[in-house]
Amino acid sequence: MARFRAHSLKIGDRVTNAAQLTMRETIFPLFLVTILYFLWGFAYGLLDTLNKHFQINLGITRTRSSGLQAAYFGAYPLASLGYANWVLRHYGYRATFILGLTLYGIGAFMMWPAALKESFGGFCGATFIIGSGLGSLETAANPYMAVTGPPKYSELRINIAQAVQAIGTVVGPVLGSYVFFNETGESVDALKTVQWVYLAIGCFVFCLAIVFYFSVIPEVTDADMGQQADLTHGTNGDDDKPFWKQYRLFHASWAQFAYTGSQIAIAGYFINYVTEIRPNTSSALGAKFLAVAQGCFAAGRFSGSGIMRFIRPRWVFLCYLSCVIIFCAASITQRGNIGLAMLTLTLFFESVCFPTIVALGIRGLGRHTKRGAGVIVGGVVGGACIPPILAAVADRRNSTAFAMIVPVMFFISAETYALAVNFVPSYRDRADKIGQGIIADGAASRNDVEKAAGEVSEEGSVDDKAVVYEIDNA
């Protein structure tokens, strides 16, 4: 079967059986989608580095610099609940990937005039468009990772992909500290270096959009997800209820709002925190410490993914989020290297929370999966709401360390979902149903799958995969 060819973007709402692919069959499409994770990780990591340097180079306060995060994450709900979700439900995943990459490329190119004019407003506008593109990508990529392939590995797949995203968050601060501000220091000339990096990013993502246009990747439709939900959760699952009665989904969305907003606030003001509590620490050195912390974040995702092979993801989620609260709270009062260590450990344990909330939140939604994923990804708007609160507290008390009380409070509210998914039966039972009859690693035949679904057909053996990959040209 050809990997690349011109074909229609519209898939319709028919059963393609893409959700029943084996792990080996999903390697190529998931590899392509994983590249997208690195892209938005890189953009996010770069944003955290630029935040502190804009305060110095453009002479703005911590509160005003939070406009970058507000622009970036404020675009997410517009995409995940609006245009990107509409494209996802009416055209499919591939079309949404192309939309997101196009917006990302446009925003990256707009960084050029913003840097030339040294305009913070221009940077915020370009960042908003980049956030729109990345919000579109995340609206499609997270559920795609969760539902493409055996359901019992959904948390594992999405955590591994998010680990690649975490690598991007490491590369961003490293690039910022060693390329943007190493030679030029804190001068405005450093901002002009930004334009060349974003020009390269724009060219790359437009090329990647072309690759996705010609790529033949499996599409998972609402009909597929309804079939999968029947296999894993029975015929009377959550997909039989109206969307607005999916209360577990909305609880997950709030947890995502509180967690993501807190994560963004900590990372965005990490350099401020370190330069204040650790003597003789410059912004460039602080950016290096941020890169180390983001490296711990990436390591946490890889280690968490490994642990999930042996321990239920919901337990790992609860343990990691509890540690986040403990170490973030400790960072409020500690100073010097101890305070730095506490906040670094906070990033390590933050690692698995976001992808696990997504995977657990959409579990068993069936035909509501795409809309549900949009709602959970829309919770990322917390990244636009919570950082300004932290910044305002830091400016008022002239202490970023004291302001860490803000993310601690929101982490505690997110903990309610972690507790519910482990101890409330209606939450726990939905999370644990993964469908033992669905294809696992081996080469089970297509007839085996259809027997499990109670729909034995006469279309042939596992070799007949056209139904999975073919997309109508009409």
Protein backbone atom coordinates (compact mmCIF):
# COMPACT_ATOMS: atom_id res chain seq x y z
CA MET A 1 0.00 0.00 0.00
CA ALA A 2 1.41 3.41 -1.00
CA ARG A 3 2.30 5.71 1.87
CA PHE A 4 1.85 8.90 -0.17
CA ARG A 5 -0.65 9.85 -2.85
CA ALA A 6 -3.16 12.60 -3.61
CA HIS A 7 -6.58 11.84 -2.11
CA SER A 8 -9.64 13.56 -0.67
CA LEU A 9 -9.52 15.23 2.72
CA LYS A 10 -13.09 14.28 3.59
CA ILE A 11 -13.62 10.85 5.16
CA GLY A 12 -17.29 10.91 6.15
CA ASP A 13 -18.73 8.95 9.07
CA ARG A 14 -18.34 5.34 7.99
CA VAL A 15 -16.65 2.52 9.85
CA THR A 16 -13.04 2.28 8.64
CA ASN A 17 -11.82 -0.15 11.34
CA ALA A 18 -8.80 2.11 11.86
CA ALA A 19 -9.33 1.90 15.60
CA GLN A 20 -8.66 -1.84 15.35
CA LEU A 21 -5.18 -1.62 13.82
CA THR A 22 -2.37 -3.50 15.53
CA MET A 23 0.56 -1.65 17.06
CA ARG A 24 2.81 -2.54 14.11
CA GLU A 25 0.32 -1.11 11.61
CA THR A 26 0.15 2.21 13.45
CA ILE A 27 3.91 2.91 13.47
CA PHE A 28 4.00 5.08 10.31
CA PRO A 29 0.95 7.32 11.01
CA LEU A 30 1.82 7.73 14.68
CA PHE A 31 5.42 8.61 13.76
CA LEU A 32 4.15 11.45 11.56
CA VAL A 33 1.83 12.73 14.27
CA THR A 34 4.59 12.50 16.90
CA ILE A 35 6.58 15.09 14.90
CA LEU A 36 3.76 17.52 15.66
CA TYR A 37 4.26 16.96 19.38
CA PHE A 38 7.88 18.04 19.10
CA LEU A 39 6.83 21.18 17.21
CA TRP A 40 4.47 22.50 19.86
CA GLY A 41 6.86 21.47 22.63
CA PHE A 42 9.57 23.52 20.97
CA ALA A 43 7.27 26.52 20.56
CA TYR A 44 6.18 26.31 24.20
CA GLY A 45 9.76 25.98 25.51
CA LEU A 46 10.88 28.94 23.41
CA LEU A 47 7.97 31.00 24.74
CA ASP A 48 9.08 30.47 28.35
CA THR A 49 12.58 31.71 27.52
CA LEU A 50 11.35 34.78 25.61
CA ASN A 51 9.07 35.76 28.51
CA LYS A 52 11.88 36.79 30.86
CA HIS A 53 13.99 38.48 28.18
CA PHE A 54 11.05 40.55 26.94
CA GLN A 55 10.74 41.94 30.47
CA ILE A 56 14.32 43.21 30.25
CA ASN A 57 14.75 44.10 26.59
CA LEU A 58 11.36 45.76 26.11
CA GLY A 59 11.08 47.19 29.62
CA ILE A 60 7.79 45.55 30.61
CA THR A 61 6.51 44.19 33.92
CA ARG A 62 5.96 40.54 34.80
CA THR A 63 2.23 41.07 34.58
CA ARG A 64 2.41 42.54 31.08
CA SER A 65 4.82 39.84 29.87
CA SER A 66 2.17 37.27 30.76
CA GLY A 67 0.40 38.57 27.65
CA LEU A 68 2.53 36.09 25.70
CA GLN A 69 1.00 33.16 27.57
CA ALA A 70 -2.44 34.77 27.36
CA ALA A 71 -2.12 35.09 23.58
CA TYR A 72 -0.69 31.61 23.10
CA PHE A 73 -3.11 29.67 25.27
CA GLY A 74 -6.05 32.00 24.80
CA ALA A 75 -6.18 30.81 21.20
CA TYR A 76 -6.56 27.18 22.24
CA PRO A 77 -10.28 27.16 23.10
CA LEU A 78 -11.09 29.07 19.91
CA ALA A 79 -9.47 26.22 18.00
CA SER A 80 -10.43 23.20 20.10
CA LEU A 81 -14.05 24.26 20.61
CA GLY A 82 -14.47 26.18 17.37
CA TYR A 83 -12.99 25.94 13.89
CA ALA A 84 -10.52 23.09 14.50
CA ASN A 85 -13.16 20.93 16.15
CA TRP A 86 -15.57 21.63 13.29
CA VAL A 87 -12.97 20.60 10.72
CA LEU A 88 -12.12 17.51 12.79
CA ARG A 89 -15.75 16.34 12.96
CA HIS A 90 -16.60 17.13 9.34
CA TYR A 91 -13.36 16.32 7.52
CA GLY A 92 -11.20 14.24 9.83
CA TYR A 93 -7.81 14.21 11.46
CA ARG A 94 -5.61 14.78 8.41
CA ALA A 95 -7.45 17.95 7.40
CA THR A 96 -7.13 19.28 10.95
CA PHE A 97 -3.39 18.56 10.99
CA ILE A 98 -2.98 20.52 7.75
CA LEU A 99 -5.04 23.43 9.11
CA GLY A 100 -2.95 23.58 12.28
CA LEU A 101 0.35 23.47 10.42
CA THR A 102 -0.78 26.23 8.06
CA LEU A 103 -1.75 28.53 10.93
CA TYR A 104 1.48 27.72 12.75
CA GLY A 105 3.49 28.64 9.64
CA ILE A 106 1.66 31.94 9.19
CA GLY A 107 2.26 32.90 12.81
CA ALA A 108 5.94 31.97 12.57
CA PHE A 109 6.38 34.20 9.53
CA MET A 110 4.68 37.08 11.37
CA MET A 111 7.41 36.93 14.02
CA TRP A 112 9.74 38.51 11.43
CA PRO A 113 8.11 41.99 11.28
CA ALA A 114 7.44 41.87 15.05
CA ALA A 115 11.16 41.38 15.72
CA LEU A 116 12.15 44.10 13.24
CA LYS A 117 9.78 46.60 14.87
CA GLU A 118 10.65 45.43 18.42
CA SER A 119 6.92 45.34 19.06
CA PHE A 120 5.61 43.38 22.04
CA GLY A 121 2.09 43.69 20.65
CA GLY A 122 3.32 42.26 17.37
CA PHE A 123 4.91 39.34 19.20
CA CYS A 124 1.63 38.72 21.03
CA GLY A 125 -0.35 38.81 17.76
CA ALA A 126 2.00 36.36 16.06
CA THR A 127 1.97 34.17 19.16
CA PHE A 128 -1.85 34.14 19.07
CA ILE A 129 -1.81 32.80 15.51
CA ILE A 130 0.84 30.22 16.45
CA GLY A 131 -1.33 29.21 19.41
CA SER A 132 -4.31 28.85 17.05
CA GLY A 133 -2.30 26.48 14.89
CA LEU A 134 -0.94 24.48 17.79
CA GLY A 135 -4.38 24.35 19.40
CA SER A 136 -5.70 22.87 16.15
CA LEU A 137 -2.90 20.30 16.08
CA GLU A 138 -3.45 19.34 19.70
CA THR A 139 -7.22 19.07 19.20
CA ALA A 140 -6.59 16.31 16.67
CA ALA A 141 -3.28 14.78 17.76
CA ASN A 142 -4.19 13.86 21.34
CA PRO A 143 -7.36 11.88 20.53
CA TYR A 144 -5.65 10.41 17.45
CA MET A 145 -2.89 9.00 19.64
CA ALA A 146 -5.40 7.71 22.16
CA VAL A 147 -7.75 5.92 19.74
CA THR A 148 -5.53 4.70 16.90
CA GLY A 149 -4.57 1.16 17.84
CA PRO A 150 -5.31 -1.16 20.79
CA PRO A 151 -7.26 0.74 23.50
CA LYS A 152 -5.30 -0.85 26.34
CA TYR A 153 -2.20 1.06 25.22
CA SER A 154 -3.88 4.45 24.77
CA GLU A 155 -2.28 6.09 27.83
CA LEU A 156 1.09 4.59 26.91
CA ARG A 157 0.93 5.90 23.33
CA ILE A 158 -0.06 9.40 24.30
CA ASN A 159 2.50 9.61 27.11
CA ILE A 160 5.32 8.54 24.79
CA ALA A 161 4.22 11.13 22.23
CA GLN A 162 4.03 13.77 24.94
CA ALA A 163 7.54 12.73 26.04
CA VAL A 164 8.72 13.72 22.57
CA GLN A 165 6.88 17.01 23.09
CA ALA A 166 8.80 17.43 26.34
CA ILE A 167 12.06 17.04 24.42
CA GLY A 168 10.94 20.01 22.35
CA THR A 169 10.46 22.04 25.54
CA VAL A 170 14.09 21.28 26.40
CA VAL A 171 15.39 22.33 22.98
CA GLY A 172 13.52 25.66 23.18
CA PRO A 173 15.23 27.01 26.33
CA VAL A 174 18.60 25.64 25.20
CA LEU A 175 18.27 27.46 21.89
CA GLY A 176 17.17 30.60 23.70
CA SER A 177 20.07 30.61 26.15
CA TYR A 178 22.85 29.55 23.77
CA VAL A 179 21.74 31.15 20.49
CA PHE A 180 19.44 34.09 21.20
CA PHE A 181 21.04 35.55 24.30
CA ASN A 182 24.48 34.04 24.69
CA GLU A 183 26.33 36.34 22.28
CA THR A 184 24.04 39.36 22.42
CA GLY A 185 23.32 39.19 26.16
CA GLU A 186 20.32 41.25 27.24
CA SER A 187 20.44 43.67 24.28
CA VAL A 188 17.62 44.29 21.85
CA ASP A 189 19.80 42.74 19.13
CA ALA A 190 18.92 39.37 20.65
CA LEU A 191 15.33 39.80 19.48
CA LYS A 192 16.45 40.11 15.86
CA THR A 193 17.96 36.64 16.09
CA VAL A 194 14.47 35.35 16.87
CA GLN A 195 13.21 36.18 13.39
CA TRP A 196 15.61 33.77 11.69
CA VAL A 197 14.59 30.86 13.89
CA TYR A 198 10.89 31.48 13.27
CA LEU A 199 11.53 31.85 9.55
CA ALA A 200 13.07 28.37 9.56
CA ILE A 201 10.18 27.05 11.62
CA GLY A 202 7.65 28.50 9.19
CA CYS A 203 9.34 26.91 6.18
CA PHE A 204 9.54 23.55 7.94
CA VAL A 205 5.90 23.41 9.02
CA PHE A 206 4.63 24.38 5.56
CA CYS A 207 6.70 21.52 4.10
CA LEU A 208 5.25 19.21 6.75
CA ALA A 209 1.72 20.32 5.81
CA ILE A 210 2.43 19.19 2.24
CA VAL A 211 3.67 15.84 3.56
CA PHE A 212 0.42 15.36 5.50
CA TYR A 213 -1.65 16.28 2.44
CA PHE A 214 -0.16 13.42 0.45
CA SER A 215 0.20 10.95 3.34
CA VAL A 216 -2.16 7.98 3.52
CA ILE A 217 -2.92 7.66 7.21
CA PRO A 218 -5.85 5.86 8.87
CA GLU A 219 -8.84 7.96 9.83
CA VAL A 220 -10.85 7.19 12.96
CA THR A 221 -14.46 8.31 12.51
CA ASP A 222 -17.27 8.78 15.02
CA ALA A 223 -18.69 5.49 13.78
CA ASP A 224 -15.37 3.80 14.58
CA MET A 225 -15.37 5.24 18.07
CA GLY A 226 -18.96 4.17 18.64
CA GLN A 227 -17.99 0.63 17.64
CA GLN A 228 -14.92 0.69 19.88
CA ALA A 229 -16.95 1.99 22.83
CA ASP A 230 -19.41 -0.88 22.35
CA LEU A 231 -16.53 -3.35 22.48
CA THR A 232 -14.90 -1.88 25.56
CA HIS A 233 -17.83 -0.51 27.55
CA GLY A 234 -20.89 -2.36 26.27
CA THR A 235 -23.82 -1.14 24.24
CA ASN A 236 -25.13 1.12 27.00
CA GLY A 237 -22.03 3.25 27.42
CA ASP A 238 -21.53 6.97 27.74
CA ASP A 239 -21.90 7.52 24.00
CA ASP A 240 -25.61 6.74 24.36
CA LYS A 241 -26.04 9.78 26.62
CA PRO A 242 -26.31 13.37 25.33
CA PHE A 243 -22.99 15.16 25.14
CA TRP A 244 -23.91 17.69 27.80
CA LYS A 245 -24.51 14.89 30.33
CA GLN A 246 -20.90 13.68 30.16
CA TYR A 247 -20.09 15.03 33.62
CA ARG A 248 -16.88 13.00 33.95
CA LEU A 249 -15.63 14.67 30.79
CA PHE A 250 -16.26 18.15 32.16
CA HIS A 251 -14.55 17.25 35.43
CA ALA A 252 -11.53 16.14 33.38
CA SER A 253 -11.67 19.43 31.47
CA TRP A 254 -11.56 21.41 34.71
CA ALA A 255 -8.61 19.33 35.91
CA GLN A 256 -6.89 20.11 32.61
CA PHE A 257 -7.63 23.82 33.04
CA ALA A 258 -6.23 23.93 36.57
CA TYR A 259 -3.24 21.69 35.89
CA THR A 260 -2.18 23.22 32.56
CA GLY A 261 -2.57 26.78 33.77
CA SER A 262 -0.39 26.01 36.79
CA GLN A 263 2.22 24.23 34.69
CA ILE A 264 2.43 27.16 32.28
CA ALA A 265 2.63 29.67 35.12
CA ILE A 266 5.53 27.82 36.75
CA ALA A 267 7.48 27.37 33.53
CA GLY A 268 6.81 30.93 32.38
CA TYR A 269 8.20 32.44 35.59
CA PHE A 270 10.79 29.77 36.35
CA ILE A 271 13.65 32.09 35.33
CA ASN A 272 12.23 34.90 37.49
CA TYR A 273 12.01 32.49 40.42
CA VAL A 274 15.58 31.25 40.05
CA THR A 275 17.16 34.69 39.61
CA GLU A 276 15.36 35.90 42.74
CA ILE A 277 15.99 33.02 45.14
CA ARG A 278 19.48 32.00 43.99
CA PRO A 279 22.29 34.56 44.41
CA ASN A 280 24.41 35.57 41.41
CA THR A 281 22.10 33.93 38.88
CA SER A 282 21.71 35.75 35.57
CA SER A 283 18.79 35.35 33.18
CA ALA A 284 21.00 33.35 30.78
CA LEU A 285 21.97 30.96 33.59
CA GLY A 286 18.32 30.81 34.64
CA ALA A 287 17.42 29.74 31.09
CA LYS A 288 19.96 26.93 31.39
CA PHE A 289 18.38 25.84 34.68
CA LEU A 290 15.00 25.92 32.93
CA ALA A 291 16.39 23.65 30.21
CA VAL A 292 17.57 21.22 32.90
CA ALA A 293 14.13 21.32 34.55
CA GLN A 294 12.44 20.70 31.20
CA GLY A 295 14.86 17.80 30.71
CA CYS A 296 13.59 16.36 34.00
CA PHE A 297 10.06 16.94 32.69
CA ALA A 298 10.89 14.86 29.59
CA ALA A 299 12.55 12.17 31.72
CA GLY A 300 9.43 12.04 33.87
CA ARG A 301 7.27 11.35 30.83
CA PHE A 302 9.48 8.51 29.64
CA SER A 303 9.73 6.99 33.11
CA GLY A 304 6.01 7.46 33.71
CA SER A 305 5.23 5.74 30.41
CA GLY A 306 7.40 2.80 31.47
CA ILE A 307 5.71 2.55 34.87
CA MET A 308 2.30 2.50 33.16
CA ARG A 309 3.21 -0.82 31.56
CA PHE A 310 2.99 -2.38 35.02
CA ILE A 311 0.76 -0.07 37.10
CA ARG A 312 -2.62 1.34 36.12
CA PRO A 313 -2.22 4.85 34.64
CA ARG A 314 -4.79 6.30 37.04
CA TRP A 315 -2.60 5.33 40.02
CA VAL A 316 0.51 6.80 38.40
CA PHE A 317 -1.45 9.99 37.70
CA LEU A 318 -2.57 10.29 41.34
CA CYS A 319 0.94 9.66 42.68
CA TYR A 320 2.64 12.12 40.33
CA LEU A 321 0.10 14.91 40.86
CA SER A 322 0.34 14.50 44.64
CA CYS A 323 4.11 14.89 44.42
CA VAL A 324 3.62 18.01 42.28
CA ILE A 325 1.61 19.61 45.08
CA ILE A 326 4.17 18.65 47.73
CA PHE A 327 7.24 19.96 45.90
CA CYS A 328 5.59 23.10 44.51
CA ALA A 329 4.42 24.01 48.02
CA ALA A 330 7.96 23.49 49.32
CA SER A 331 9.35 25.86 46.69
CA ILE A 332 7.43 28.75 48.26
CA THR A 333 9.57 28.85 51.40
CA GLN A 334 12.89 27.35 50.24
CA ARG A 335 15.73 29.43 48.85
CA GLY A 336 18.99 28.83 47.00
CA ASN A 337 19.71 25.46 45.46
CA ILE A 338 17.06 23.77 47.62
CA GLY A 339 14.33 25.99 46.19
CA LEU A 340 15.65 25.35 42.68
CA ALA A 341 15.59 21.60 43.36
CA MET A 342 12.00 21.75 44.65
CA LEU A 343 10.73 23.51 41.53
CA THR A 344 12.75 21.21 39.27
CA LEU A 345 11.17 18.18 40.95
CA THR A 346 7.79 19.82 40.45
CA LEU A 347 8.39 19.79 36.70
CA PHE A 348 9.51 16.16 36.83
CA PHE A 349 6.27 15.02 38.43
CA GLU A 350 4.11 17.28 36.23
CA SER A 351 5.16 15.12 33.30
CA VAL A 352 2.41 12.51 32.97
CA CYS A 353 -0.53 14.62 34.11
CA PHE A 354 -1.62 16.33 30.89
CA PRO A 355 -1.66 13.28 28.56
CA THR A 356 -3.18 11.02 31.19
CA ILE A 357 -6.04 13.45 31.81
CA VAL A 358 -6.73 13.44 28.06
CA ALA A 359 -6.64 9.64 27.76
CA LEU A 360 -8.77 9.01 30.86
CA GLY A 361 -11.15 11.87 30.06
CA ILE A 362 -12.14 10.59 26.60
CA ARG A 363 -12.23 6.90 27.61
CA GLY A 364 -15.54 5.33 26.58
CA LEU A 365 -17.01 8.47 24.96
CA GLY A 366 -17.58 6.66 21.66
CA ARG A 367 -19.17 8.94 19.07
CA HIS A 368 -18.55 11.91 21.40
CA THR A 369 -14.77 11.36 21.40
CA LYS A 370 -13.84 14.17 18.99
CA ARG A 371 -16.03 16.75 20.70
CA GLY A 372 -14.89 15.53 24.09
CA ALA A 373 -11.25 15.84 23.10
CA GLY A 374 -11.95 19.40 22.01
CA VAL A 375 -13.42 20.23 25.41
CA ILE A 376 -10.43 18.77 27.28
CA VAL A 377 -7.91 20.49 25.02
CA GLY A 378 -9.95 23.67 25.49
CA GLY A 379 -9.02 23.39 29.17
CA VAL A 380 -5.56 24.50 28.09
CA VAL A 381 -6.99 28.02 28.21
CA GLY A 382 -5.91 27.82 31.84
CA GLY A 383 -2.51 28.74 30.45
CA ALA A 384 -3.97 32.14 29.56
CA CYS A 385 -5.74 32.65 32.89
CA ILE A 386 -3.47 31.43 35.68
CA PRO A 387 -0.07 32.95 34.68
CA PRO A 388 -1.44 36.54 34.91
CA ILE A 389 -2.71 35.74 38.42
CA LEU A 390 0.72 34.45 39.46
CA ALA A 391 2.38 37.49 37.84
CA ALA A 392 0.04 39.92 39.60
CA VAL A 393 0.75 38.31 42.98
CA ALA A 394 4.49 38.35 42.25
CA ASP A 395 4.41 42.05 41.32
CA ARG A 396 2.29 42.94 44.35
CA ARG A 397 4.52 41.07 46.81
CA ASN A 398 7.71 41.55 44.76
CA SER A 399 8.33 37.81 45.15
CA THR A 400 7.89 35.10 42.53
CA ALA A 401 8.50 32.50 45.22
CA PHE A 402 5.51 33.65 47.25
CA ALA A 403 3.39 33.68 44.09
CA MET A 404 3.91 29.92 43.71
CA ILE A 405 1.00 29.59 46.13
CA VAL A 406 -1.26 30.28 43.13
CA PRO A 407 -0.37 27.10 41.16
CA VAL A 408 -0.45 25.07 44.38
CA MET A 409 -4.09 26.01 44.91
CA PHE A 410 -5.02 25.08 41.35
CA PHE A 411 -3.08 21.82 41.54
CA ILE A 412 -5.14 20.89 44.59
CA SER A 413 -8.35 21.49 42.62
CA ALA A 414 -7.03 19.26 39.80
CA GLU A 415 -6.31 16.58 42.40
CA THR A 416 -10.06 16.13 42.82
CA TYR A 417 -10.19 14.45 39.41
CA ALA A 418 -7.23 12.21 40.22
CA LEU A 419 -8.98 11.12 43.43
CA ALA A 420 -12.31 10.59 41.65
CA VAL A 421 -10.85 8.45 38.87
CA ASN A 422 -9.26 6.19 41.48
CA PHE A 423 -11.89 6.01 44.21
CA VAL A 424 -15.30 6.90 42.70
CA PRO A 425 -16.72 3.72 41.08
CA SER A 426 -18.43 5.47 38.15
CA TYR A 427 -15.12 7.13 37.23
CA ARG A 428 -12.89 4.15 38.02
CA ASP A 429 -14.95 1.59 36.12
CA ARG A 430 -14.96 3.67 32.92
CA ALA A 431 -11.21 4.18 33.16
CA ASP A 432 -10.47 0.48 33.64
CA LYS A 433 -12.54 -0.86 30.75
CA ILE A 434 -10.13 -1.30 27.84
CA GLY A 435 -11.68 -4.19 25.95
CA GLN A 436 -9.81 -7.43 26.38
CA GLY A 437 -11.17 -8.76 23.09
CA ILE A 438 -9.63 -6.09 20.89
CA ILE A 439 -6.51 -6.80 18.85
CA ALA A 440 -3.32 -6.57 20.89
CA ASP A 441 0.22 -6.92 19.63
CA GLY A 442 -0.17 -10.03 17.55
CA ALA A 443 -1.41 -10.60 14.04
CA ALA A 444 -4.98 -11.47 14.80
CA SER A 445 -7.21 -11.82 11.79
CA ARG A 446 -9.87 -9.37 10.80
CA ASN A 447 -12.53 -12.02 11.29
CA ASP A 448 -11.44 -12.29 14.95
CA VAL A 449 -12.14 -8.62 15.40
CA GLU A 450 -15.52 -8.85 13.74
CA LYS A 451 -16.48 -11.84 15.88
CA ALA A 452 -15.59 -9.84 18.99
CA ALA A 453 -17.91 -7.11 17.77
CA GLY A 454 -20.61 -9.62 16.93
CA GLU A 455 -20.43 -8.62 13.27
CA VAL A 456 -18.79 -11.44 11.34
CA SER A 457 -18.38 -10.51 7.68
CA GLU A 458 -17.22 -12.34 4.59
CA GLU A 459 -14.81 -9.69 3.33
CA GLY A 460 -11.65 -11.71 3.86
CA SER A 461 -8.56 -12.05 5.98
CA VAL A 462 -6.18 -9.60 7.60
CA ASP A 463 -4.52 -8.99 4.22
CA ASP A 464 -7.54 -7.04 3.07
CA LYS A 465 -6.55 -3.71 4.58
CA ALA A 466 -7.94 -1.42 1.92
CA VAL A 467 -10.92 -0.63 4.12
CA VAL A 468 -8.56 0.80 6.72
CA TYR A 469 -6.46 3.02 4.52
CA GLU A 470 -8.58 3.82 1.51
CA ILE A 471 -10.22 7.21 1.44
CA ASP A 472 -12.78 7.92 -1.23
CA ASN A 473 -11.59 10.18 -4.03
CA ALA A 474 -15.12 11.26 -4.76
